[in-house]
């Protein structure tokens, strides 16, 4: 499970996408997210997923993006099976499953190429309440940490003889109780340590916060924004022509 946790951790790299302003990366991810909602044929999703994977290659995060998709395959299979059981046809079930994969992949583009600090700056630029920003950024920071804790606890319990994969589905769920309890306790301890650290730094004392870093658009950011807008318009026109 360690390789799944690695797929959720931000790694600083040198690439075209990493060097962009985080607001540009957010706009690209949102554009892909919205296009995945508007797409309604397998051909459109093939083009959209190809563009997403091309961005993954350019940003050098394709392998970790695939790990994230692999982590969500259980939900993809559940979505596909539920749609078939409800009565939808095979093509519609495939389209819904591809839409979920496209949504996960488009979100991964931003989170795998943007650090939590950049996410903080983006949310500040939107003038959101800082308490909300801090809670969201902290959650983003701690999701991979908690997953790594779960991996370590599972390995420790297996070394003590716990057989997690043994028995039927209800027995397997009960087998995870010795994993969940230490994980919850560890999360509570970590949250208390975080609260003490915030209190020692006088969190909330000053309402007017400043930042050492500021966001500025560069020429390449404007170019990528124009290119993104052009490609989105072309894709929408392609969808319109395909349905004529």
Foldseek 3Di string as FASTA:
>chain_A
DVLLLVLLDADDDDFPLLPAQLVLLVVLLVLLLVQLVVDDAPVLLVVSVVVLLVLCVRLVSNVSLVSPLVVCVVVLVVQLVVCVVVPDDNRRSVSVSSSVSSNSSSVSSSSRSDQLVSQLQVVVVVVDQVVVSVVVSVCSVCPSVLVVLLVVQVVVVVVVPQDLPDDDPVVNVVSCPSSVVVSVVVVVVVVVVVVVVCVVVVPPPDRDDDDPDHTDHDPVSVVSSVVSVVVSVVSVVVSVVVVD
